[in-house]
Amino acid sequence: MKPEQAVQLRYRLRLAGATKDALTANATVKGALGQSTPVVGELDMSKLPAGDFTLTIEGRDAKNKVLFTQNARLHRNVAEYAPVGVVTPR
């Protein structure tokens, strides 16, 4: 990412083996000269089922060219953690 360049971030969360995204979000960050640029975001996973997911974060420039892609695997277990008021299926 170049300094002062605005980058569109695309967050995609996909259940393992699925062909469609279960959750998506977009954000914009802008780099600062001589400083690290944190890339942060928030996804509301409260309505997603338990299971294995792949999180993909893409950064795109103003011309929609992909600048970077980062993938991470994660496991959601609603039996171990759930927001207040969520009922765990039995």
C-alpha atoms as a PDB file:
ATOM      1  CA  MET A   1       0.000   0.000   0.000  1.00  0.00           C
ATOM      2  CA  LYS A   2       1.370   3.421  -0.924  1.00  0.00           C
ATOM      3  CA  PRO A   3       1.283   6.324   1.553  1.00  0.00           C
ATOM      4  CA  GLU A   4      -1.929   8.355   1.394  1.00  0.00           C
ATOM      5  CA  GLN A   5      -3.537   5.719  -0.859  1.00  0.00           C
ATOM      6  CA  ALA A   6      -7.140   4.827  -0.045  1.00  0.00           C
ATOM      7  CA  VAL A   7      -7.750   1.086  -0.122  1.00  0.00           C
ATOM      8  CA  GLN A   8     -11.120  -0.628  -0.254  1.00  0.00           C
ATOM      9  CA  LEU A   9     -11.221  -3.678   2.032  1.00  0.00           C
ATOM     10  CA  ARG A  10     -13.506  -6.613   1.390  1.00  0.00           C
ATOM     11  CA  TYR A  11     -14.084  -9.133   4.153  1.00  0.00           C
ATOM     12  CA  ARG A  12     -15.588 -12.483   3.137  1.00  0.00           C
ATOM     13  CA  LEU A  13     -16.427 -15.345   5.489  1.00  0.00           C
ATOM     14  CA  ARG A  14     -17.236 -18.698   3.902  1.00  0.00           C
ATOM     15  CA  LEU A  15     -18.254 -21.979   5.537  1.00  0.00           C
ATOM     16  CA  ALA A  16     -15.846 -24.796   4.652  1.00  0.00           C
ATOM     17  CA  GLY A  17     -16.983 -26.581   1.491  1.00  0.00           C
ATOM     18  CA  ALA A  18     -19.508 -23.867   0.593  1.00  0.00           C
ATOM     19  CA  THR A  19     -19.542 -22.021  -2.731  1.00  0.00           C
ATOM     20  CA  LYS A  20     -21.159 -18.809  -1.431  1.00  0.00           C
ATOM     21  CA  ASP A  21     -20.037 -16.361   1.237  1.00  0.00           C
ATOM     22  CA  ALA A  22     -21.894 -16.593   4.540  1.00  0.00           C
ATOM     23  CA  LEU A  23     -21.001 -13.040   5.519  1.00  0.00           C
ATOM     24  CA  THR A  24     -19.419 -10.033   3.790  1.00  0.00           C
ATOM     25  CA  ALA A  25     -18.415  -6.520   4.806  1.00  0.00           C
ATOM     26  CA  ASN A  26     -16.577  -3.562   3.265  1.00  0.00           C
ATOM     27  CA  ALA A  27     -14.388  -0.817   4.719  1.00  0.00           C
ATOM     28  CA  THR A  28     -11.899   1.815   3.572  1.00  0.00           C
ATOM     29  CA  VAL A  29      -8.463   2.558   5.035  1.00  0.00           C
ATOM     30  CA  LYS A  30      -5.904   5.185   4.087  1.00  0.00           C
ATOM     31  CA  GLY A  31      -2.170   4.769   4.605  1.00  0.00           C
ATOM     32  CA  ALA A  32      -0.066   7.382   6.396  1.00  0.00           C
ATOM     33  CA  LEU A  33       3.481   8.216   5.315  1.00  0.00           C
ATOM     34  CA  GLY A  34       6.069   6.497   7.510  1.00  0.00           C
ATOM     35  CA  GLN A  35       3.514   4.705   9.683  1.00  0.00           C
ATOM     36  CA  SER A  36       2.028   1.242   9.856  1.00  0.00           C
ATOM     37  CA  THR A  37      -1.575   1.095   8.748  1.00  0.00           C
ATOM     38  CA  PRO A  38      -3.735  -1.194  10.865  1.00  0.00           C
ATOM     39  CA  VAL A  39      -6.357  -3.096   8.938  1.00  0.00           C
ATOM     40  CA  VAL A  40      -9.275  -3.752  11.254  1.00  0.00           C
ATOM     41  CA  GLY A  41     -12.915  -4.554  10.841  1.00  0.00           C
ATOM     42  CA  GLU A  42     -15.880  -6.131  12.520  1.00  0.00           C
ATOM     43  CA  LEU A  43     -18.128  -8.967  11.374  1.00  0.00           C
ATOM     44  CA  ASP A  44     -21.338  -9.878  13.204  1.00  0.00           C
ATOM     45  CA  MET A  45     -21.113 -13.669  13.369  1.00  0.00           C
ATOM     46  CA  SER A  46     -23.976 -14.058  15.855  1.00  0.00           C
ATOM     47  CA  LYS A  47     -26.336 -15.623  13.296  1.00  0.00           C
ATOM     48  CA  LEU A  48     -23.815 -17.990  11.713  1.00  0.00           C
ATOM     49  CA  PRO A  49     -23.849 -21.710  12.474  1.00  0.00           C
ATOM     50  CA  ALA A  50     -21.040 -23.536  14.209  1.00  0.00           C
ATOM     51  CA  GLY A  51     -18.362 -24.910  11.915  1.00  0.00           C
ATOM     52  CA  ASP A  52     -15.128 -24.234  10.080  1.00  0.00           C
ATOM     53  CA  PHE A  53     -14.839 -21.039   8.054  1.00  0.00           C
ATOM     54  CA  THR A  54     -12.328 -19.272   5.836  1.00  0.00           C
ATOM     55  CA  LEU A  55     -11.952 -15.523   6.298  1.00  0.00           C
ATOM     56  CA  THR A  56     -10.616 -13.701   3.231  1.00  0.00           C
ATOM     57  CA  ILE A  57      -9.560 -10.060   3.349  1.00  0.00           C
ATOM     58  CA  GLU A  58      -8.892  -8.313   0.039  1.00  0.00           C
ATOM     59  CA  GLY A  59      -7.457  -4.848  -0.473  1.00  0.00           C
ATOM     60  CA  ARG A  60      -8.319  -3.081  -3.737  1.00  0.00           C
ATOM     61  CA  ASP A  61      -7.263   0.270  -5.182  1.00  0.00           C
ATOM     62  CA  ALA A  62      -9.504   2.903  -6.781  1.00  0.00           C
ATOM     63  CA  LYS A  63      -9.378   1.021 -10.103  1.00  0.00           C
ATOM     64  CA  ASN A  64     -10.580  -2.179  -8.349  1.00  0.00           C
ATOM     65  CA  LYS A  65      -7.176  -3.856  -8.816  1.00  0.00           C
ATOM     66  CA  VAL A  66      -6.368  -6.406  -6.084  1.00  0.00           C
ATOM     67  CA  LEU A  67      -3.414  -5.138  -4.018  1.00  0.00           C
ATOM     68  CA  PHE A  68      -3.346  -7.946  -1.470  1.00  0.00           C
ATOM     69  CA  THR A  69      -5.293 -10.955  -0.253  1.00  0.00           C
ATOM     70  CA  GLN A  70      -5.009 -12.622   3.139  1.00  0.00           C
ATOM     71  CA  ASN A  71      -6.781 -15.824   4.226  1.00  0.00           C
ATOM     72  CA  ALA A  72      -7.281 -17.260   7.688  1.00  0.00           C
ATOM     73  CA  ARG A  73      -9.116 -20.351   8.881  1.00  0.00           C
ATOM     74  CA  LEU A  74     -11.309 -20.170  11.918  1.00  0.00           C
ATOM     75  CA  HIS A  75     -13.650 -22.412  13.857  1.00  0.00           C
ATOM     76  CA  ARG A  76     -16.913 -21.163  15.358  1.00  0.00           C
ATOM     77  CA  ASN A  77     -18.210 -23.127  18.329  1.00  0.00           C
ATOM     78  CA  VAL A  78     -21.449 -21.688  19.677  1.00  0.00           C
ATOM     79  CA  ALA A  79     -21.498 -24.160  22.577  1.00  0.00           C
ATOM     80  CA  GLU A  80     -18.353 -22.596  24.088  1.00  0.00           C
ATOM     81  CA  TYR A  81     -19.207 -18.956  23.448  1.00  0.00           C
ATOM     82  CA  ALA A  82     -22.335 -17.138  22.458  1.00  0.00           C
ATOM     83  CA  PRO A  83     -23.502 -13.557  23.007  1.00  0.00           C
ATOM     84  CA  VAL A  84     -25.981 -12.943  25.808  1.00  0.00           C
ATOM     85  CA  GLY A  85     -29.488 -14.039  24.862  1.00  0.00           C
ATOM     86  CA  VAL A  86     -28.479 -16.505  22.163  1.00  0.00           C
ATOM     87  CA  VAL A  87     -29.986 -19.953  22.609  1.00  0.00           C
ATOM     88  CA  THR A  88     -27.739 -22.845  21.656  1.00  0.00           C
ATOM     89  CA  PRO A  89     -29.502 -25.552  19.598  1.00  0.00           C
ATOM     90  CA  ARG A  90     -29.519 -28.973  21.246  1.00  0.00           C
END
